[in-house]
Amino acid sequence: MPIGEFLFGTDDKFKQFSTLGQPQRQGLDQLFGSSLQQLLQGGGPGGFAPIAQQEMQRFQQDIIPSLAERFTSMGSGAQRSSGFNQALGGASTQLGTNLAALGAQHQLAQRGQALQGLQLGLTPQTERFFMPGRQGFMNALAPGLGQGIGMGLTGGLGGAGAVAGAGGGLLGALSGLLRGGQ
């Protein structure tokens, strides 16, 4: 303990400690930065293109052949009819609607993930602790010393009472310090 703290004690104070190590802090900073960029750009590394490609492929491999088979069973030339073209147009419109809905869901999911990253980055990463001060030697000595001098000056101890009273005050202060500063 430094001599100044021993003699005069310490004040009450708050200390702040980080709850993360340096590598964790750097990782969180990266996550925060990429989440903010993702949110501002409206997308992310997991783009919508693969999802759209999968739906287009399903349309070409499943929907169109299914429609063609249904119209083929109606007789020859049915695939060249306006009914087939209308059914194909309806399925294409449905594909567009599905792609738009999937795109909106994908964008919401990406934004949700970005917001979670931002939330983690904005969460306080420190803790504050109250550290009560400690009484020093001089703080414990002063009241007893003052009381002894006061008694000596008021004649409570007689002629050389001020010095004797101060000594008694010093002993009282030391005793109080040894009992825990009370």
Protein backbone atom coordinates (compact mmCIF):
# COMPACT_ATOMS: atom_id res chain seq x y z
CA MET A 1 0.00 0.00 0.00
CA PRO A 2 1.46 3.42 -0.90
CA ILE A 3 2.40 5.64 2.05
CA GLY A 4 -0.14 8.30 1.01
CA GLU A 5 -2.98 5.77 1.19
CA PHE A 6 -1.70 4.52 4.56
CA LEU A 7 -1.57 7.99 6.04
CA PHE A 8 -4.65 9.62 4.49
CA GLY A 9 -6.81 6.74 3.26
CA THR A 10 -8.68 6.57 -0.04
CA ASP A 11 -11.91 8.06 -1.35
CA ASP A 12 -14.93 6.10 -2.53
CA LYS A 13 -14.71 5.47 -6.26
CA PHE A 14 -16.14 3.50 -9.14
CA LYS A 15 -13.95 1.19 -11.21
CA GLN A 16 -14.88 0.00 -14.67
CA PHE A 17 -13.73 -3.38 -15.98
CA SER A 18 -14.12 -4.86 -19.46
CA THR A 19 -16.09 -8.11 -19.61
CA LEU A 20 -14.33 -9.16 -22.83
CA GLY A 21 -10.77 -10.02 -23.74
CA GLN A 22 -9.03 -8.29 -26.64
CA PRO A 23 -9.72 -11.06 -29.23
CA GLN A 24 -13.40 -11.14 -28.24
CA ARG A 25 -13.63 -7.35 -28.46
CA GLN A 26 -12.08 -7.38 -31.96
CA GLY A 27 -14.49 -10.09 -33.11
CA LEU A 28 -17.44 -8.16 -31.76
CA ASP A 29 -16.21 -4.99 -33.46
CA GLN A 30 -15.98 -6.88 -36.79
CA LEU A 31 -19.48 -8.29 -36.34
CA PHE A 32 -20.83 -4.84 -35.53
CA GLY A 33 -19.15 -3.31 -38.59
CA SER A 34 -20.33 -5.99 -41.01
CA SER A 35 -23.85 -5.90 -39.53
CA LEU A 36 -24.03 -2.15 -39.97
CA GLN A 37 -22.78 -2.41 -43.55
CA GLN A 38 -25.24 -5.22 -44.30
CA LEU A 39 -28.12 -3.20 -42.88
CA LEU A 40 -27.19 -0.09 -44.85
CA GLN A 41 -26.77 -2.06 -48.11
CA GLY A 42 -29.98 -4.01 -47.62
CA GLY A 43 -28.41 -7.39 -48.20
CA GLY A 44 -25.69 -9.62 -47.07
CA PRO A 45 -23.21 -12.24 -48.10
CA GLY A 46 -25.98 -14.84 -48.41
CA GLY A 47 -27.66 -13.21 -51.38
CA PHE A 48 -31.04 -14.04 -52.85
CA ALA A 49 -29.71 -15.20 -56.26
CA PRO A 50 -29.25 -18.87 -55.26
CA ILE A 51 -32.79 -19.01 -53.87
CA ALA A 52 -34.23 -17.49 -57.06
CA GLN A 53 -32.16 -19.86 -59.19
CA GLN A 54 -33.52 -22.84 -57.27
CA GLU A 55 -37.13 -21.69 -57.79
CA MET A 56 -36.54 -21.10 -61.53
CA GLN A 57 -35.04 -24.56 -61.84
CA ARG A 58 -38.01 -26.10 -60.02
CA PHE A 59 -40.37 -24.23 -62.34
CA GLN A 60 -38.57 -25.49 -65.46
CA GLN A 61 -38.15 -29.07 -64.24
CA ASP A 62 -41.47 -29.62 -62.46
CA ILE A 63 -44.16 -27.09 -63.35
CA ILE A 64 -43.72 -26.77 -67.13
CA PRO A 65 -43.46 -30.56 -67.73
CA SER A 66 -46.49 -31.13 -65.49
CA LEU A 67 -48.56 -28.61 -67.50
CA ALA A 68 -47.36 -30.07 -70.79
CA GLU A 69 -48.27 -33.58 -69.67
CA ARG A 70 -51.74 -32.47 -68.63
CA PHE A 71 -52.41 -30.80 -72.00
CA THR A 72 -50.85 -33.69 -73.96
CA SER A 73 -53.36 -36.03 -72.39
CA MET A 74 -56.12 -33.88 -73.93
CA GLY A 75 -55.07 -34.83 -77.45
CA SER A 76 -52.69 -33.78 -80.16
CA GLY A 77 -52.25 -30.04 -80.62
CA ALA A 78 -53.48 -29.22 -77.13
CA GLN A 79 -50.08 -27.78 -76.22
CA ARG A 80 -50.50 -25.22 -79.01
CA SER A 81 -53.88 -24.10 -77.72
CA SER A 82 -54.62 -20.83 -75.99
CA GLY A 83 -55.55 -22.80 -72.85
CA PHE A 84 -52.03 -24.13 -72.56
CA ASN A 85 -50.59 -20.63 -73.06
CA GLN A 86 -52.95 -19.25 -70.43
CA ALA A 87 -52.01 -22.00 -67.94
CA LEU A 88 -48.33 -21.40 -68.62
CA GLY A 89 -48.82 -17.62 -68.21
CA GLY A 90 -50.64 -18.18 -64.90
CA ALA A 91 -47.87 -20.44 -63.64
CA SER A 92 -45.27 -17.83 -64.68
CA THR A 93 -47.20 -15.13 -62.82
CA GLN A 94 -47.36 -17.41 -59.78
CA LEU A 95 -43.59 -17.93 -60.06
CA GLY A 96 -43.06 -14.16 -60.08
CA THR A 97 -45.30 -13.73 -57.03
CA ASN A 98 -43.50 -16.54 -55.21
CA LEU A 99 -40.11 -15.06 -56.05
CA ALA A 100 -41.18 -11.64 -54.78
CA ALA A 101 -42.47 -13.14 -51.53
CA LEU A 102 -39.31 -15.22 -51.04
CA GLY A 103 -37.19 -12.14 -51.78
CA ALA A 104 -39.03 -10.11 -49.16
CA GLN A 105 -38.68 -12.91 -46.59
CA HIS A 106 -35.00 -13.22 -47.39
CA GLN A 107 -34.46 -9.49 -47.00
CA LEU A 108 -36.31 -9.45 -43.66
CA ALA A 109 -34.23 -12.37 -42.41
CA GLN A 110 -31.01 -10.63 -43.48
CA ARG A 111 -32.04 -7.42 -41.75
CA GLY A 112 -32.99 -9.35 -38.62
CA GLN A 113 -29.55 -10.94 -38.52
CA ALA A 114 -27.92 -7.55 -39.08
CA LEU A 115 -29.95 -6.02 -36.27
CA GLN A 116 -28.92 -8.84 -33.93
CA GLY A 117 -25.27 -8.11 -34.76
CA LEU A 118 -25.83 -4.42 -34.09
CA GLN A 119 -27.56 -5.20 -30.82
CA LEU A 120 -24.61 -7.31 -29.68
CA GLY A 121 -22.23 -4.55 -30.66
CA LEU A 122 -24.23 -1.93 -28.76
CA THR A 123 -24.58 -3.99 -25.58
CA PRO A 124 -22.33 -2.59 -22.83
CA GLN A 125 -19.17 -4.65 -22.58
CA THR A 126 -18.05 -3.26 -19.22
CA GLU A 127 -19.07 -3.60 -15.59
CA ARG A 128 -18.87 -0.86 -12.96
CA PHE A 129 -18.00 -1.67 -9.38
CA PHE A 130 -18.20 0.54 -6.28
CA MET A 131 -14.98 0.57 -4.31
CA PRO A 132 -15.51 2.07 -0.83
CA GLY A 133 -12.70 4.24 0.50
CA ARG A 134 -10.49 3.28 3.44
CA GLN A 135 -9.66 5.36 6.47
CA GLY A 136 -5.98 6.24 6.80
CA PHE A 137 -3.77 6.51 9.88
CA MET A 138 -4.11 10.30 10.07
CA ASN A 139 -7.90 10.11 9.77
CA ALA A 140 -8.02 7.76 12.74
CA LEU A 141 -5.47 9.80 14.69
CA ALA A 142 -7.03 13.25 14.28
CA PRO A 143 -10.23 12.84 16.35
CA GLY A 144 -8.43 11.38 19.39
CA LEU A 145 -5.64 13.90 19.15
CA GLY A 146 -8.10 16.76 18.92
CA GLN A 147 -10.08 15.47 21.89
CA GLY A 148 -6.96 15.13 24.03
CA ILE A 149 -5.77 18.64 23.17
CA GLY A 150 -9.24 20.00 23.86
CA MET A 151 -9.36 18.38 27.29
CA GLY A 152 -5.93 19.75 28.13
CA LEU A 153 -6.83 23.29 27.09
CA THR A 154 -10.02 23.34 29.10
CA GLY A 155 -8.12 22.27 32.21
CA GLY A 156 -9.51 18.80 32.31
CA LEU A 157 -6.09 17.34 33.06
CA GLY A 158 -4.29 20.13 34.95
CA GLY A 159 -1.07 22.05 34.15
CA ALA A 160 0.65 19.95 31.51
CA GLY A 161 -2.65 18.42 30.57
CA ALA A 162 -2.58 19.44 26.92
CA VAL A 163 0.44 17.28 26.20
CA ALA A 164 -0.85 14.37 28.27
CA GLY A 165 -4.30 14.70 26.74
CA ALA A 166 -2.78 14.67 23.25
CA GLY A 167 -0.89 11.52 24.15
CA GLY A 168 -4.08 9.90 25.38
CA GLY A 169 -5.82 10.97 22.20
CA LEU A 170 -3.01 9.40 20.17
CA LEU A 171 -3.38 6.11 22.03
CA GLY A 172 -7.14 6.20 21.51
CA ALA A 173 -6.69 6.82 17.80
CA LEU A 174 -4.18 3.95 17.46
CA SER A 175 -6.52 1.67 19.35
CA GLY A 176 -9.39 2.66 17.04
CA LEU A 177 -7.25 2.05 13.95
CA LEU A 178 -6.27 -1.42 15.15
CA ARG A 179 -9.94 -2.27 15.75
CA GLY A 180 -10.75 -1.57 12.11
CA GLY A 181 -10.95 2.22 11.93
CA GLN A 182 -14.19 2.54 13.95
